[in-house]
N, C-alpha and C. Protein backbone atom coordinates (compact mmCIF):
# COMPACT_ATOMS: atom_id res chain seq x y z
N LYS A 1 34.30 0.34 -18.84
CA LYS A 1 32.86 0.55 -18.64
C LYS A 1 32.34 -0.48 -17.64
N ARG A 2 32.69 -0.27 -16.39
CA ARG A 2 32.35 -1.21 -15.34
C ARG A 2 30.92 -0.99 -14.86
N TYR A 3 30.21 -2.08 -14.66
CA TYR A 3 28.83 -2.05 -14.20
C TYR A 3 28.80 -2.22 -12.69
N LEU A 4 28.13 -1.29 -11.99
CA LEU A 4 28.13 -1.28 -10.53
C LEU A 4 26.70 -1.11 -10.01
N ALA A 5 26.05 -2.23 -9.72
CA ALA A 5 24.72 -2.22 -9.10
C ALA A 5 23.73 -1.34 -9.85
N GLY A 6 23.72 -1.45 -11.18
CA GLY A 6 22.77 -0.70 -11.98
C GLY A 6 23.31 0.56 -12.61
N LEU A 7 24.50 0.99 -12.23
CA LEU A 7 25.10 2.20 -12.77
C LEU A 7 26.40 1.85 -13.50
N TRP A 8 26.76 2.70 -14.46
CA TRP A 8 28.04 2.53 -15.15
C TRP A 8 29.07 3.45 -14.52
N ARG A 9 30.23 2.90 -14.24
CA ARG A 9 31.28 3.68 -13.56
C ARG A 9 31.68 4.91 -14.37
N HIS A 10 31.74 4.79 -15.70
CA HIS A 10 32.20 5.91 -16.51
C HIS A 10 31.16 7.04 -16.58
N GLU A 11 29.92 6.78 -16.12
CA GLU A 11 28.90 7.82 -16.11
C GLU A 11 28.77 8.49 -14.74
N MET A 12 29.56 8.06 -13.78
CA MET A 12 29.54 8.72 -12.47
C MET A 12 30.43 9.96 -12.52
N PRO A 13 30.14 10.99 -11.71
CA PRO A 13 29.13 11.00 -10.65
C PRO A 13 27.72 11.38 -11.12
N PHE A 14 27.58 11.81 -12.39
CA PHE A 14 26.26 12.27 -12.83
C PHE A 14 25.20 11.18 -12.71
N ALA A 15 25.60 9.92 -12.89
CA ALA A 15 24.64 8.81 -12.82
C ALA A 15 24.03 8.66 -11.43
N LEU A 16 24.63 9.27 -10.42
CA LEU A 16 24.10 9.20 -9.05
C LEU A 16 22.91 10.14 -8.87
N CYS A 17 22.67 11.01 -9.84
CA CYS A 17 21.64 12.06 -9.69
C CYS A 17 20.29 11.60 -10.22
N TRP A 18 19.83 10.49 -9.74
CA TRP A 18 18.48 10.01 -10.06
C TRP A 18 17.55 10.39 -8.92
N TRP A 19 16.25 10.37 -9.19
CA TRP A 19 15.30 10.63 -8.12
C TRP A 19 14.00 9.89 -8.39
N ARG A 20 13.21 9.76 -7.36
CA ARG A 20 11.91 9.10 -7.45
C ARG A 20 10.82 10.15 -7.60
N PRO A 21 10.16 10.24 -8.74
CA PRO A 21 9.00 11.14 -8.84
C PRO A 21 7.92 10.65 -7.89
N TRP A 22 7.33 11.54 -7.15
CA TRP A 22 6.32 11.15 -6.17
C TRP A 22 4.94 11.50 -6.67
N SER A 23 4.07 10.48 -6.77
CA SER A 23 2.72 10.68 -7.29
C SER A 23 1.69 10.79 -6.18
N GLY A 24 2.13 10.72 -4.92
CA GLY A 24 1.21 10.76 -3.79
C GLY A 24 0.89 9.38 -3.26
N GLU A 25 1.31 8.34 -3.99
CA GLU A 25 1.09 6.99 -3.52
C GLU A 25 2.24 6.56 -2.60
N SER A 26 1.98 5.52 -1.81
CA SER A 26 3.00 5.01 -0.92
C SER A 26 4.14 4.42 -1.72
N GLU A 27 5.35 4.81 -1.40
CA GLU A 27 6.54 4.30 -2.07
C GLU A 27 7.44 3.72 -1.00
N LEU A 28 7.52 2.41 -0.94
CA LEU A 28 8.23 1.74 0.14
C LEU A 28 9.53 1.14 -0.37
N LEU A 29 10.48 1.01 0.53
CA LEU A 29 11.70 0.31 0.18
C LEU A 29 11.40 -1.19 0.07
N PRO A 30 12.13 -1.91 -0.78
CA PRO A 30 11.96 -3.36 -0.83
C PRO A 30 12.24 -3.97 0.55
N LEU A 31 11.55 -5.04 0.86
CA LEU A 31 11.72 -5.69 2.16
C LEU A 31 13.13 -6.21 2.34
N VAL A 32 13.74 -6.66 1.25
CA VAL A 32 15.11 -7.17 1.30
C VAL A 32 16.00 -6.21 0.52
N GLN A 33 17.07 -5.72 1.17
CA GLN A 33 17.98 -4.81 0.49
C GLN A 33 18.69 -5.55 -0.64
N ARG A 34 18.62 -4.99 -1.85
CA ARG A 34 19.21 -5.67 -2.99
C ARG A 34 20.30 -4.85 -3.66
N ALA A 35 20.50 -3.63 -3.19
CA ALA A 35 21.52 -2.77 -3.79
C ALA A 35 21.89 -1.69 -2.77
N PRO A 36 23.08 -1.10 -2.90
CA PRO A 36 23.43 0.02 -2.01
C PRO A 36 22.50 1.21 -2.23
N SER A 37 22.40 2.06 -1.22
CA SER A 37 21.43 3.16 -1.27
C SER A 37 21.69 4.14 -2.40
N TRP A 38 22.93 4.23 -2.90
CA TRP A 38 23.25 5.18 -3.96
C TRP A 38 22.80 4.71 -5.34
N SER A 39 22.33 3.47 -5.44
CA SER A 39 21.87 2.95 -6.72
C SER A 39 20.36 3.00 -6.83
N TRP A 40 19.86 3.31 -8.03
CA TRP A 40 18.42 3.29 -8.27
C TRP A 40 17.85 1.89 -8.06
N ALA A 41 18.69 0.86 -8.15
CA ALA A 41 18.22 -0.51 -7.96
C ALA A 41 17.80 -0.79 -6.52
N SER A 42 18.06 0.14 -5.62
CA SER A 42 17.68 -0.05 -4.21
C SER A 42 16.21 0.29 -3.96
N VAL A 43 15.53 0.83 -4.97
CA VAL A 43 14.12 1.23 -4.80
C VAL A 43 13.27 0.56 -5.88
N ASP A 44 11.97 0.54 -5.64
CA ASP A 44 11.02 0.02 -6.62
C ASP A 44 10.36 1.18 -7.36
N GLY A 45 9.89 0.92 -8.56
CA GLY A 45 9.13 1.93 -9.28
C GLY A 45 9.98 2.77 -10.21
N TRP A 46 9.34 3.84 -10.72
CA TRP A 46 9.98 4.72 -11.69
C TRP A 46 11.06 5.56 -11.05
N ILE A 47 12.09 5.86 -11.85
CA ILE A 47 13.07 6.86 -11.46
C ILE A 47 13.22 7.84 -12.62
N SER A 48 13.77 9.01 -12.31
CA SER A 48 13.98 10.03 -13.33
C SER A 48 15.40 10.56 -13.25
N TYR A 49 15.87 11.09 -14.37
CA TYR A 49 17.12 11.83 -14.43
C TYR A 49 16.79 13.21 -14.99
N TRP A 50 17.72 14.13 -14.80
CA TRP A 50 17.52 15.47 -15.35
C TRP A 50 17.52 15.48 -16.86
N GLU A 51 16.76 16.43 -17.40
CA GLU A 51 16.93 16.76 -18.82
C GLU A 51 18.22 17.57 -18.90
N PHE A 52 19.16 17.07 -19.66
CA PHE A 52 20.51 17.65 -19.64
C PHE A 52 20.89 18.14 -21.02
N ASP A 53 21.35 19.37 -21.07
CA ASP A 53 21.83 19.95 -22.32
C ASP A 53 23.27 19.47 -22.53
N ARG A 54 23.48 18.57 -23.48
CA ARG A 54 24.80 17.96 -23.68
C ARG A 54 25.86 18.97 -24.12
N ARG A 55 25.45 20.15 -24.53
CA ARG A 55 26.42 21.15 -24.96
C ARG A 55 27.09 21.82 -23.77
N ILE A 56 26.56 21.61 -22.58
CA ILE A 56 27.09 22.27 -21.38
C ILE A 56 27.60 21.20 -20.43
N SER A 57 28.66 21.50 -19.71
CA SER A 57 29.24 20.52 -18.81
C SER A 57 28.28 20.19 -17.68
N CYS A 58 28.56 19.08 -16.99
CA CYS A 58 27.71 18.66 -15.88
C CYS A 58 27.90 19.52 -14.65
N ASN A 59 28.92 20.37 -14.63
CA ASN A 59 29.17 21.25 -13.50
C ASN A 59 29.27 20.48 -12.19
N THR A 60 29.87 19.32 -12.23
CA THR A 60 29.93 18.50 -11.03
C THR A 60 31.02 18.98 -10.08
N ASN A 61 30.71 18.90 -8.79
CA ASN A 61 31.66 19.28 -7.75
C ASN A 61 32.09 18.07 -6.93
N VAL A 62 31.85 16.87 -7.46
CA VAL A 62 32.14 15.64 -6.73
C VAL A 62 33.14 14.81 -7.51
N THR A 63 34.06 14.20 -6.78
CA THR A 63 35.02 13.27 -7.36
C THR A 63 34.77 11.88 -6.80
N VAL A 64 34.64 10.90 -7.67
CA VAL A 64 34.50 9.51 -7.23
C VAL A 64 35.89 8.96 -6.95
N LEU A 65 36.15 8.56 -5.70
CA LEU A 65 37.44 8.03 -5.31
C LEU A 65 37.51 6.51 -5.43
N GLU A 66 36.41 5.86 -5.12
CA GLU A 66 36.38 4.40 -5.14
C GLU A 66 34.93 3.94 -5.17
N CYS A 67 34.68 2.88 -5.89
CA CYS A 67 33.34 2.30 -5.93
C CYS A 67 33.46 0.79 -6.07
N ASP A 68 32.95 0.07 -5.10
CA ASP A 68 33.03 -1.39 -5.11
C ASP A 68 31.69 -1.99 -4.72
N VAL A 69 31.37 -3.10 -5.34
CA VAL A 69 30.18 -3.86 -4.96
C VAL A 69 30.58 -5.31 -4.77
N ALA A 70 29.86 -6.00 -3.89
CA ALA A 70 30.05 -7.43 -3.67
C ALA A 70 28.92 -8.17 -4.35
N LEU A 71 29.24 -8.91 -5.39
CA LEU A 71 28.23 -9.65 -6.13
C LEU A 71 27.79 -10.88 -5.35
N ILE A 72 26.51 -11.19 -5.40
CA ILE A 72 26.02 -12.41 -4.77
C ILE A 72 26.60 -13.63 -5.49
N SER A 73 26.66 -13.53 -6.81
CA SER A 73 27.30 -14.58 -7.60
C SER A 73 28.44 -13.96 -8.39
N PRO A 74 29.68 -14.36 -8.11
CA PRO A 74 30.83 -13.78 -8.83
C PRO A 74 30.78 -13.99 -10.33
N LEU A 75 29.96 -14.93 -10.81
CA LEU A 75 29.88 -15.23 -12.23
C LEU A 75 28.87 -14.35 -12.95
N GLN A 76 28.11 -13.53 -12.20
CA GLN A 76 27.09 -12.67 -12.80
C GLN A 76 27.45 -11.20 -12.59
N ASP A 77 28.19 -10.66 -13.54
CA ASP A 77 28.65 -9.27 -13.43
C ASP A 77 27.50 -8.27 -13.35
N TYR A 78 26.34 -8.63 -13.93
CA TYR A 78 25.19 -7.73 -13.95
C TYR A 78 24.09 -8.19 -13.00
N GLY A 79 24.46 -9.07 -12.07
CA GLY A 79 23.48 -9.64 -11.16
C GLY A 79 23.34 -8.87 -9.86
N ALA A 80 22.61 -9.48 -8.94
CA ALA A 80 22.33 -8.85 -7.64
C ALA A 80 23.61 -8.72 -6.82
N VAL A 81 23.61 -7.74 -5.94
CA VAL A 81 24.76 -7.51 -5.07
C VAL A 81 24.34 -7.64 -3.62
N SER A 82 25.28 -8.01 -2.77
CA SER A 82 25.00 -8.12 -1.34
C SER A 82 25.36 -6.84 -0.60
N SER A 83 26.25 -6.04 -1.16
CA SER A 83 26.62 -4.77 -0.53
C SER A 83 27.41 -3.94 -1.54
N GLY A 84 27.62 -2.70 -1.20
CA GLY A 84 28.40 -1.83 -2.06
C GLY A 84 28.79 -0.56 -1.31
N LYS A 85 29.93 -0.02 -1.64
CA LYS A 85 30.35 1.24 -1.01
C LYS A 85 30.89 2.18 -2.08
N LEU A 86 30.64 3.44 -1.85
CA LEU A 86 31.02 4.49 -2.78
C LEU A 86 31.74 5.57 -2.00
N ARG A 87 33.01 5.79 -2.31
CA ARG A 87 33.79 6.85 -1.65
C ARG A 87 33.85 8.06 -2.57
N LEU A 88 33.44 9.20 -2.03
CA LEU A 88 33.37 10.44 -2.79
C LEU A 88 34.12 11.54 -2.07
N ARG A 89 34.57 12.51 -2.84
CA ARG A 89 35.12 13.75 -2.28
C ARG A 89 34.24 14.89 -2.75
N GLY A 90 33.68 15.63 -1.78
CA GLY A 90 32.79 16.71 -2.15
C GLY A 90 32.47 17.60 -0.97
N ARG A 91 31.57 18.54 -1.21
CA ARG A 91 31.16 19.49 -0.17
C ARG A 91 29.91 18.97 0.53
N LEU A 92 30.02 18.79 1.82
CA LEU A 92 28.93 18.26 2.63
C LEU A 92 28.43 19.35 3.56
N LYS A 93 27.12 19.49 3.64
CA LYS A 93 26.52 20.55 4.45
C LYS A 93 25.42 19.96 5.31
N GLU A 94 25.48 20.24 6.61
CA GLU A 94 24.42 19.76 7.50
C GLU A 94 23.15 20.53 7.23
N MET A 95 22.05 19.80 7.06
CA MET A 95 20.79 20.44 6.74
C MET A 95 19.91 20.63 7.96
N GLY A 96 20.28 20.02 9.09
CA GLY A 96 19.47 20.16 10.29
C GLY A 96 18.19 19.38 10.17
N ALA A 97 17.11 19.92 10.73
CA ALA A 97 15.80 19.26 10.65
C ALA A 97 15.29 19.37 9.23
N PHE A 98 15.23 18.27 8.54
CA PHE A 98 14.91 18.26 7.11
C PHE A 98 13.64 17.46 6.91
N ASP A 99 12.57 18.12 6.60
CA ASP A 99 11.28 17.46 6.44
C ASP A 99 11.15 16.94 5.02
N LEU A 100 11.34 15.64 4.85
CA LEU A 100 11.30 15.05 3.52
C LEU A 100 9.91 15.01 2.93
N MET A 101 8.90 15.19 3.77
CA MET A 101 7.54 15.11 3.27
C MET A 101 7.07 16.42 2.63
N GLN A 102 7.80 17.50 2.87
CA GLN A 102 7.38 18.80 2.36
C GLN A 102 8.08 19.07 1.04
N THR A 103 7.35 18.96 -0.06
CA THR A 103 7.94 19.23 -1.36
C THR A 103 6.87 19.83 -2.29
N PRO A 104 7.11 20.95 -2.93
CA PRO A 104 8.32 21.73 -2.79
C PRO A 104 8.35 22.51 -1.47
N LYS A 105 9.54 22.77 -1.01
CA LYS A 105 9.73 23.56 0.20
C LYS A 105 10.03 24.99 -0.23
N VAL A 106 9.29 25.95 0.32
CA VAL A 106 9.47 27.35 -0.07
C VAL A 106 9.93 28.15 1.14
N ASP A 107 11.04 28.86 0.98
CA ASP A 107 11.57 29.75 2.01
C ASP A 107 11.65 31.15 1.46
N HIS A 108 11.69 32.13 2.35
CA HIS A 108 11.83 33.53 1.95
C HIS A 108 13.11 34.09 2.54
N ASP A 109 13.86 34.83 1.72
CA ASP A 109 15.09 35.43 2.23
C ASP A 109 14.76 36.74 2.95
N SER A 110 15.82 37.46 3.38
CA SER A 110 15.62 38.69 4.16
C SER A 110 14.90 39.78 3.38
N ASP A 111 14.91 39.69 2.05
CA ASP A 111 14.21 40.66 1.22
C ASP A 111 12.79 40.22 0.88
N GLY A 112 12.39 39.07 1.43
CA GLY A 112 11.04 38.58 1.19
C GLY A 112 10.87 37.83 -0.12
N ILE A 113 11.98 37.56 -0.81
CA ILE A 113 11.91 36.85 -2.09
C ILE A 113 11.79 35.35 -1.82
N ALA A 114 10.84 34.72 -2.49
CA ALA A 114 10.59 33.28 -2.29
C ALA A 114 11.60 32.45 -3.07
N HIS A 115 12.13 31.43 -2.43
CA HIS A 115 13.03 30.48 -3.06
C HIS A 115 12.49 29.09 -2.76
N SER A 116 12.60 28.19 -3.74
CA SER A 116 12.05 26.86 -3.55
C SER A 116 13.12 25.78 -3.62
N THR A 117 12.84 24.70 -2.93
CA THR A 117 13.67 23.50 -2.98
C THR A 117 12.77 22.33 -3.33
N GLN A 118 13.09 21.64 -4.40
CA GLN A 118 12.37 20.43 -4.78
C GLN A 118 13.02 19.26 -4.07
N ILE A 119 12.25 18.55 -3.23
CA ILE A 119 12.78 17.45 -2.43
C ILE A 119 12.15 16.15 -2.92
N PHE A 120 12.98 15.15 -3.16
CA PHE A 120 12.51 13.86 -3.64
C PHE A 120 13.05 12.74 -2.76
N PRO A 121 12.30 12.32 -1.73
CA PRO A 121 12.75 11.19 -0.91
C PRO A 121 12.75 9.91 -1.75
N ASP A 122 13.70 9.03 -1.46
CA ASP A 122 13.79 7.77 -2.20
C ASP A 122 12.64 6.84 -1.87
N ALA A 123 12.10 6.96 -0.65
CA ALA A 123 10.96 6.15 -0.24
C ALA A 123 10.32 6.79 0.97
N ARG A 124 9.05 6.50 1.20
CA ARG A 124 8.35 7.09 2.34
C ARG A 124 8.65 6.35 3.63
N ASP A 125 9.16 5.14 3.55
CA ASP A 125 9.50 4.41 4.77
C ASP A 125 11.01 4.27 4.91
N ILE A 126 11.73 5.30 4.42
CA ILE A 126 13.19 5.23 4.35
C ILE A 126 13.84 5.02 5.71
N ASP A 127 13.20 5.46 6.76
CA ASP A 127 13.79 5.35 8.09
C ASP A 127 12.66 5.41 9.10
N ASP A 128 12.82 4.73 10.23
CA ASP A 128 11.77 4.74 11.26
C ASP A 128 11.44 6.15 11.70
N ARG A 129 12.42 7.03 11.68
CA ARG A 129 12.20 8.42 12.10
C ARG A 129 11.47 9.23 11.05
N LEU A 130 11.32 8.68 9.82
CA LEU A 130 10.72 9.44 8.73
C LEU A 130 9.43 8.81 8.22
N HIS A 131 8.89 7.81 8.93
CA HIS A 131 7.71 7.12 8.43
C HIS A 131 6.45 7.94 8.58
N CYS A 132 6.52 9.03 9.35
CA CYS A 132 5.36 9.89 9.54
C CYS A 132 5.69 11.27 9.01
N ALA A 133 4.77 11.89 8.30
CA ALA A 133 5.03 13.18 7.67
C ALA A 133 5.37 14.27 8.67
N SER A 134 5.00 14.09 9.92
CA SER A 134 5.25 15.13 10.91
C SER A 134 6.60 14.99 11.59
N ILE A 135 7.36 13.95 11.24
CA ILE A 135 8.64 13.72 11.89
C ILE A 135 9.77 14.19 10.98
N THR A 136 10.72 14.91 11.55
CA THR A 136 11.87 15.34 10.79
C THR A 136 13.12 14.66 11.34
N SER A 137 14.18 14.69 10.59
CA SER A 137 15.42 14.06 11.01
C SER A 137 16.59 14.91 10.55
N THR A 138 17.69 14.83 11.27
CA THR A 138 18.89 15.54 10.85
C THR A 138 19.44 14.89 9.60
N ALA A 139 19.67 15.67 8.59
CA ALA A 139 20.18 15.16 7.32
C ALA A 139 21.33 16.03 6.84
N PHE A 140 22.07 15.50 5.88
CA PHE A 140 23.18 16.21 5.26
C PHE A 140 22.93 16.28 3.77
N ALA A 141 23.49 17.30 3.14
CA ALA A 141 23.41 17.44 1.69
C ALA A 141 24.81 17.35 1.12
N LEU A 142 24.97 16.52 0.12
CA LEU A 142 26.23 16.43 -0.62
C LEU A 142 26.01 17.10 -1.97
N GLN A 143 26.65 18.25 -2.16
CA GLN A 143 26.45 18.98 -3.41
C GLN A 143 27.08 18.21 -4.56
N MET A 144 26.26 17.86 -5.53
CA MET A 144 26.75 17.17 -6.72
C MET A 144 27.22 18.17 -7.77
N GLY A 145 26.63 19.35 -7.77
CA GLY A 145 27.01 20.38 -8.73
C GLY A 145 26.02 21.51 -8.70
N ASP A 146 26.07 22.38 -9.73
CA ASP A 146 25.07 23.43 -9.84
C ASP A 146 24.23 23.17 -11.08
N SER A 147 23.15 23.89 -11.18
CA SER A 147 22.11 23.55 -12.15
C SER A 147 22.30 24.16 -13.52
N THR A 148 23.39 24.87 -13.76
CA THR A 148 23.59 25.50 -15.05
C THR A 148 23.58 24.46 -16.16
N GLY A 149 22.74 24.66 -17.15
CA GLY A 149 22.66 23.73 -18.27
C GLY A 149 21.54 22.73 -18.15
N PHE A 150 20.75 22.83 -17.08
CA PHE A 150 19.66 21.89 -16.88
C PHE A 150 18.32 22.62 -16.93
N SER A 151 17.28 21.85 -17.19
CA SER A 151 15.94 22.37 -16.98
C SER A 151 15.27 21.51 -15.93
N TRP A 152 14.41 22.11 -15.16
CA TRP A 152 13.74 21.41 -14.05
C TRP A 152 12.25 21.60 -14.22
N ASN A 153 11.55 20.52 -14.58
CA ASN A 153 10.12 20.61 -14.83
C ASN A 153 9.78 21.74 -15.79
N GLY A 154 10.61 21.88 -16.82
CA GLY A 154 10.39 22.91 -17.83
C GLY A 154 10.96 24.26 -17.49
N LYS A 155 11.48 24.43 -16.27
CA LYS A 155 12.04 25.71 -15.85
C LYS A 155 13.51 25.77 -16.22
N ARG A 156 13.91 26.82 -16.93
CA ARG A 156 15.30 26.97 -17.34
C ARG A 156 15.95 28.15 -16.61
N GLY A 157 17.25 28.26 -16.75
CA GLY A 157 17.97 29.35 -16.10
C GLY A 157 18.19 29.10 -14.62
N LEU A 158 18.23 27.84 -14.20
CA LEU A 158 18.46 27.51 -12.79
C LEU A 158 19.89 27.85 -12.40
N ILE A 159 20.08 28.24 -11.15
CA ILE A 159 21.42 28.60 -10.69
C ILE A 159 21.80 27.91 -9.39
N GLY A 160 20.86 27.23 -8.75
CA GLY A 160 21.14 26.65 -7.45
C GLY A 160 21.77 25.27 -7.53
N PRO A 161 22.13 24.70 -6.36
CA PRO A 161 22.79 23.41 -6.33
C PRO A 161 21.81 22.25 -6.49
N TYR A 162 22.32 21.13 -6.97
CA TYR A 162 21.60 19.88 -6.89
C TYR A 162 22.43 18.95 -6.01
N SER A 163 21.75 18.20 -5.14
CA SER A 163 22.46 17.48 -4.08
C SER A 163 21.78 16.17 -3.74
N LEU A 164 22.55 15.26 -3.20
CA LEU A 164 22.02 14.06 -2.59
C LEU A 164 21.69 14.37 -1.14
N ILE A 165 20.62 13.78 -0.63
CA ILE A 165 20.29 13.90 0.79
C ILE A 165 20.77 12.63 1.47
N LEU A 166 21.55 12.79 2.53
CA LEU A 166 22.19 11.67 3.20
C LEU A 166 21.87 11.65 4.68
N LEU A 167 21.79 10.45 5.25
CA LEU A 167 21.69 10.27 6.69
C LEU A 167 22.95 9.57 7.17
N PRO A 168 23.52 10.01 8.30
CA PRO A 168 24.74 9.37 8.80
C PRO A 168 24.47 7.96 9.31
N VAL A 169 25.41 7.05 9.00
CA VAL A 169 25.40 5.70 9.53
C VAL A 169 26.39 5.63 10.70
N ASP A 170 27.58 6.14 10.47
CA ASP A 170 28.57 6.37 11.53
C ASP A 170 29.51 7.44 11.00
N GLU A 171 30.66 7.61 11.62
CA GLU A 171 31.54 8.72 11.25
C GLU A 171 31.97 8.62 9.79
N ARG A 172 31.62 9.64 9.01
CA ARG A 172 31.96 9.76 7.59
C ARG A 172 31.37 8.66 6.73
N LYS A 173 30.36 7.96 7.23
CA LYS A 173 29.67 6.96 6.44
C LYS A 173 28.19 7.31 6.44
N PHE A 174 27.57 7.29 5.26
CA PHE A 174 26.20 7.74 5.09
C PHE A 174 25.43 6.77 4.22
N ARG A 175 24.11 6.94 4.23
CA ARG A 175 23.27 6.28 3.25
C ARG A 175 22.39 7.34 2.61
N ARG A 176 22.14 7.15 1.35
CA ARG A 176 21.31 8.08 0.60
C ARG A 176 19.85 7.88 0.96
N ILE A 177 19.11 9.01 1.13
CA ILE A 177 17.67 8.93 1.38
C ILE A 177 16.87 9.80 0.42
N GLY A 178 17.55 10.54 -0.46
CA GLY A 178 16.80 11.36 -1.38
C GLY A 178 17.69 12.26 -2.23
N PHE A 179 17.03 13.16 -2.94
CA PHE A 179 17.68 14.06 -3.89
C PHE A 179 16.95 15.39 -3.84
N PHE A 180 17.67 16.49 -4.02
CA PHE A 180 16.96 17.78 -4.10
C PHE A 180 17.69 18.74 -5.02
N GLN A 181 16.93 19.74 -5.46
CA GLN A 181 17.45 20.83 -6.27
C GLN A 181 16.89 22.12 -5.73
N ALA A 182 17.76 23.12 -5.55
CA ALA A 182 17.33 24.42 -5.04
C ALA A 182 17.58 25.49 -6.10
N ASP A 183 16.78 26.55 -6.07
CA ASP A 183 16.96 27.63 -7.05
C ASP A 183 17.61 28.85 -6.42
N PHE A 184 18.46 28.62 -5.39
CA PHE A 184 19.15 29.73 -4.76
C PHE A 184 20.48 29.22 -4.21
N ASP A 185 21.38 30.13 -3.91
CA ASP A 185 22.70 29.80 -3.37
C ASP A 185 22.53 29.31 -1.93
N MET A 186 23.01 28.11 -1.64
CA MET A 186 22.87 27.55 -0.30
C MET A 186 24.17 27.59 0.49
N GLY A 187 25.19 28.26 -0.04
CA GLY A 187 26.42 28.44 0.72
C GLY A 187 27.39 27.28 0.66
N PHE A 188 27.26 26.41 -0.32
CA PHE A 188 28.19 25.28 -0.42
C PHE A 188 29.63 25.74 -0.68
N ASP A 189 29.79 26.90 -1.30
CA ASP A 189 31.14 27.39 -1.58
C ASP A 189 31.93 27.64 -0.30
N ASN A 190 31.24 27.79 0.81
CA ASN A 190 31.92 28.01 2.09
C ASN A 190 32.27 26.70 2.81
N CYS A 191 31.87 25.57 2.23
CA CYS A 191 32.14 24.27 2.84
C CYS A 191 33.42 23.68 2.28
N HIS A 192 34.20 23.03 3.14
CA HIS A 192 35.43 22.39 2.73
C HIS A 192 35.12 21.06 2.04
N PHE A 193 35.97 20.67 1.11
CA PHE A 193 35.86 19.34 0.51
C PHE A 193 36.27 18.30 1.54
N GLN A 194 35.55 17.20 1.58
CA GLN A 194 35.88 16.10 2.48
C GLN A 194 35.53 14.78 1.84
N ASP A 195 36.17 13.74 2.34
CA ASP A 195 35.92 12.40 1.82
C ASP A 195 34.88 11.70 2.66
N ILE A 196 33.90 11.11 2.00
CA ILE A 196 32.86 10.37 2.71
C ILE A 196 32.58 9.06 1.99
N THR A 197 31.89 8.17 2.65
CA THR A 197 31.48 6.89 2.07
C THR A 197 29.98 6.77 2.13
N ILE A 198 29.37 6.36 1.04
CA ILE A 198 27.93 6.09 1.00
C ILE A 198 27.75 4.59 0.78
N VAL A 199 26.90 3.99 1.60
CA VAL A 199 26.68 2.54 1.50
C VAL A 199 25.25 2.25 1.05
């Protein structure tokens, strides 16, 4: 039961599926980075996890390959960290221009049926390119699993994916900038599994 920057290793990958509820107030990143982007300890304020029916599996599509953190003080296992990396194997999908300020996002398919995506940015100042609501940035989605067995804001019978929103740092290295859940098939089954690192 290893402790890693606020998360327990034995609870991953599900423990990575936290999000910041947005109340309309400014939510800024701490001035000094104190945890890797995949940890809730990297942000200030409240975080939430899904209401999970323990009788049903997590339906996760991600494998944790490696997770390491560098402690500021080697004598404090539960103390602050200077850095951390998380290597995962999963399905990654380019999202293109992804407006983090629009939540919920509603799209219509070819039959005119509305589908929604709940988007939860980790902070409003997550990146210089995202500090204004009118600016979009290329983002990627890492599918963590599907929603079977979960309720979302009281809504049950979900079938779509839940995913981390990532921005590339360099080749196959990303940082987390948010979380989302969709109520429709986004085509992740057509994506190949690949290994990536989140810092």
